[in-house]
């Protein structure tokens, strides 16, 4: 009996997904980020992000928005970095980290479909690191980053404008276990739904 219900359940699930309203789109914007940790300057630096998103309507108030982004984070080390981390500093104080990020945010509509609150996790995979700062960046930064996002989105016809705050939850330092490096910053972007 249970095996007969499985195809019925699968058909019901597929029909719900096909009836759900969804959009795809492209977006780009600015990252204003820093890395908190020993020997990093307490200042924000500019990077960028670009990629695509999908909006899947779950109800009148809730929309699931998965994205795939190329995210560039930037930070600056201070002069004590070379004293703390021997053999990884080459004299340049600017670091740029490039991630493929997958945010999965839930939009809660506040005012019709014009204004929404956003929250959700973001998973990042380090794909490139600045070789001008670190002789071997792969040995200094972990290959993954896990963050939480919160923000707002404005929807005007097919245009999406959003601002988010991202805070890193895991240690991205791969040098020592006693030092913790965490990313944080703001994302400002504009996109268009197709």
Protein backbone atom coordinates (compact mmCIF):
# COMPACT_ATOMS: atom_id res chain seq x y z
CA UNK A 1 0.00 0.00 0.00
CA UNK A 2 2.82 2.41 0.89
CA UNK A 3 4.55 1.82 -2.46
CA UNK A 4 1.34 2.80 -4.28
CA UNK A 5 1.17 6.12 -2.42
CA UNK A 6 4.70 7.11 -3.44
CA UNK A 7 3.87 7.79 -7.13
CA UNK A 8 0.73 9.66 -6.08
CA UNK A 9 2.75 11.82 -3.66
CA UNK A 10 5.42 12.47 -6.34
CA UNK A 11 2.74 13.50 -8.88
CA UNK A 12 1.14 15.84 -6.35
CA UNK A 13 4.51 17.42 -5.52
CA UNK A 14 5.42 17.90 -9.20
CA UNK A 15 2.04 19.51 -9.95
CA UNK A 16 2.47 21.93 -7.03
CA UNK A 17 5.94 22.93 -8.25
CA UNK A 18 4.69 23.43 -11.82
CA UNK A 19 1.78 25.57 -10.60
CA UNK A 20 4.01 27.70 -8.37
CA UNK A 21 4.77 31.11 -9.77
CA UNK A 22 8.48 31.67 -10.32
CA UNK A 23 10.83 34.11 -12.02
CA UNK A 24 14.50 34.02 -12.93
CA UNK A 25 16.74 37.06 -13.22
CA UNK A 26 20.18 38.61 -13.13
CA UNK A 27 21.68 40.94 -10.54
CA UNK A 28 24.87 42.87 -9.78
CA UNK A 29 26.07 45.18 -7.06
CA UNK A 30 28.66 46.29 -4.53
CA UNK A 31 30.08 44.49 -1.51
CA UNK A 32 31.36 46.55 1.41
CA UNK A 33 33.25 44.00 3.53
CA UNK A 34 35.97 43.38 6.05
CA UNK A 35 37.52 40.44 7.88
CA UNK A 36 37.51 40.57 11.66
CA UNK A 37 40.51 38.99 13.32
CA UNK A 38 43.99 39.50 14.66
CA UNK A 39 46.12 41.79 12.43
CA UNK A 40 43.30 42.92 10.12
CA UNK A 41 42.42 46.61 9.91
CA UNK A 42 39.02 47.49 11.28
CA UNK A 43 37.84 49.11 8.04
CA UNK A 44 35.46 48.19 5.26
CA UNK A 45 36.65 47.81 1.65
CA UNK A 46 34.76 47.61 -1.64
CA UNK A 47 34.24 44.57 -3.84
CA UNK A 48 31.45 43.45 -6.16
CA UNK A 49 29.04 40.62 -6.86
CA UNK A 50 27.15 39.46 -9.93
CA UNK A 51 25.03 36.47 -10.81
CA UNK A 52 21.52 35.15 -11.11
CA UNK A 53 18.50 34.52 -8.92
CA UNK A 54 15.21 32.65 -8.94
CA UNK A 55 12.03 33.62 -7.13
CA UNK A 56 9.67 30.80 -6.15
CA UNK A 57 6.36 31.93 -4.68
CA UNK A 58 5.39 29.76 -1.72
CA UNK A 59 2.34 31.74 -0.59
CA UNK A 60 0.90 35.25 -0.82
CA UNK A 61 3.46 36.50 1.73
CA UNK A 62 6.48 34.16 1.27
CA UNK A 63 8.90 33.87 -1.65
CA UNK A 64 11.96 31.61 -1.68
CA UNK A 65 14.90 33.22 -3.49
CA UNK A 66 17.92 31.01 -4.24
CA UNK A 67 20.85 32.73 -5.97
CA UNK A 68 24.25 31.92 -7.46
CA UNK A 69 26.75 34.80 -7.22
CA UNK A 70 30.37 35.59 -7.96
CA UNK A 71 31.30 37.47 -4.77
CA UNK A 72 34.49 39.46 -4.27
CA UNK A 73 35.39 40.31 -0.66
CA UNK A 74 38.17 42.78 0.12
CA UNK A 75 40.03 43.52 3.34
CA UNK A 76 43.26 45.10 4.56
CA UNK A 77 45.89 43.72 6.93
CA UNK A 78 47.73 46.00 9.31
CA UNK A 79 51.49 46.23 9.82
CA UNK A 80 51.56 43.57 12.55
CA UNK A 81 50.36 40.85 10.15
CA UNK A 82 53.90 39.89 9.10
CA UNK A 83 54.99 39.68 12.75
CA UNK A 84 52.13 37.33 13.65
CA UNK A 85 52.01 35.18 10.52
CA UNK A 86 55.56 34.55 9.32
CA UNK A 87 56.16 33.41 5.73
CA UNK A 88 52.70 34.32 4.42
CA UNK A 89 52.99 38.10 4.03
CA UNK A 90 54.64 39.66 0.97
CA UNK A 91 54.41 43.35 1.91
CA UNK A 92 51.13 44.31 0.19
CA UNK A 93 48.32 45.01 2.64
CA UNK A 94 45.26 44.41 0.39
CA UNK A 95 43.52 41.03 0.16
CA UNK A 96 40.81 40.11 -2.34
CA UNK A 97 38.91 36.84 -1.97
CA UNK A 98 36.63 35.57 -4.74
CA UNK A 99 33.81 33.20 -3.83
CA UNK A 100 31.06 31.39 -5.65
CA UNK A 101 28.24 32.06 -3.19
CA UNK A 102 24.85 30.43 -2.93
CA UNK A 103 22.45 32.52 -0.81
CA UNK A 104 19.05 30.98 -0.08
CA UNK A 105 16.87 33.75 1.30
CA UNK A 106 13.24 33.81 2.29
CA UNK A 107 11.35 36.98 1.37
CA UNK A 108 8.47 38.05 3.59
CA UNK A 109 6.26 40.61 1.84
CA UNK A 110 5.37 43.57 4.03
CA UNK A 111 3.62 46.05 1.74
CA UNK A 112 1.91 44.21 -1.09
CA UNK A 113 4.66 43.01 -3.35
CA UNK A 114 6.61 46.28 -3.14
CA UNK A 115 8.67 45.80 0.07
CA UNK A 116 10.01 42.52 1.49
CA UNK A 117 12.20 41.50 4.41
CA UNK A 118 14.90 38.93 3.57
CA UNK A 119 16.76 36.40 5.71
CA UNK A 120 18.64 33.18 5.13
CA UNK A 121 21.98 31.39 4.88
CA UNK A 122 24.75 31.89 2.34
CA UNK A 123 27.26 29.20 1.43
CA UNK A 124 30.52 30.27 -0.23
CA UNK A 125 33.33 28.36 -1.96
CA UNK A 126 36.68 30.15 -2.31
CA UNK A 127 37.74 29.91 -5.95
CA UNK A 128 40.52 32.49 -6.17
CA UNK A 129 42.55 34.51 -3.73
CA UNK A 130 44.80 37.49 -4.05
CA UNK A 131 48.33 36.28 -4.76
CA UNK A 132 49.75 39.76 -4.17
CA UNK A 133 49.28 39.51 -0.42
CA UNK A 134 49.72 35.88 0.40
CA UNK A 135 52.37 33.73 -1.21
CA UNK A 136 49.99 30.82 -0.95
CA UNK A 137 46.46 32.04 -0.21
CA UNK A 138 45.06 28.52 -0.15
CA UNK A 139 47.14 27.88 2.97
CA UNK A 140 45.83 31.00 4.73
CA UNK A 141 42.07 30.91 3.99
CA UNK A 142 39.70 27.97 4.21
CA UNK A 143 37.94 26.94 1.03
CA UNK A 144 34.46 27.56 2.44
CA UNK A 145 32.51 30.30 4.18
CA UNK A 146 29.09 30.10 5.85
CA UNK A 147 27.18 33.33 6.50
CA UNK A 148 23.74 34.53 7.53
CA UNK A 149 22.02 37.30 5.58
CA UNK A 150 19.32 39.78 6.56
CA UNK A 151 17.99 42.73 4.59
CA UNK A 152 15.23 44.35 2.57
CA UNK A 153 14.18 44.22 -1.07
CA UNK A 154 12.20 46.71 -3.13
CA UNK A 155 10.30 45.38 -6.13
CA UNK A 156 9.26 47.83 -8.85
CA UNK A 157 7.73 45.91 -11.78
CA UNK A 158 10.61 43.65 -12.95
CA UNK A 159 13.36 45.58 -11.13
CA UNK A 160 14.70 44.33 -7.77
CA UNK A 161 16.79 46.55 -5.48
CA UNK A 162 18.09 45.13 -2.22
CA UNK A 163 20.37 45.82 0.67
CA UNK A 164 21.66 43.07 2.94
CA UNK A 165 23.93 42.60 5.90
CA UNK A 166 26.05 39.43 5.89
CA UNK A 167 27.84 38.05 8.94
CA UNK A 168 30.23 35.10 8.71
CA UNK A 169 29.58 32.31 11.18
CA UNK A 170 32.62 30.10 10.65
CA UNK A 171 36.36 30.69 11.02
CA UNK A 172 37.91 31.27 7.57
CA UNK A 173 41.52 31.18 8.83
CA UNK A 174 43.43 28.10 7.75
CA UNK A 175 46.72 29.16 9.36
CA UNK A 176 46.19 28.40 13.06
CA UNK A 177 43.37 27.12 15.23
CA UNK A 178 43.84 29.75 17.95
CA UNK A 179 43.07 32.74 15.67
CA UNK A 180 39.57 33.31 14.33
CA UNK A 181 38.88 35.28 11.14
CA UNK A 182 35.27 36.05 10.24
CA UNK A 183 33.85 38.03 7.36
CA UNK A 184 31.11 40.63 7.59
CA UNK A 185 29.71 43.31 5.36
CA UNK A 186 26.93 44.84 3.34
CA UNK A 187 25.63 43.99 -0.12
CA UNK A 188 23.82 46.57 -2.25
CA UNK A 189 22.44 45.30 -5.55
CA UNK A 190 20.04 45.84 -8.41
CA UNK A 191 18.57 43.14 -10.59
CA UNK A 192 15.96 42.44 -13.19
CA UNK A 193 13.53 39.54 -13.35
CA UNK A 194 13.09 38.07 -16.81
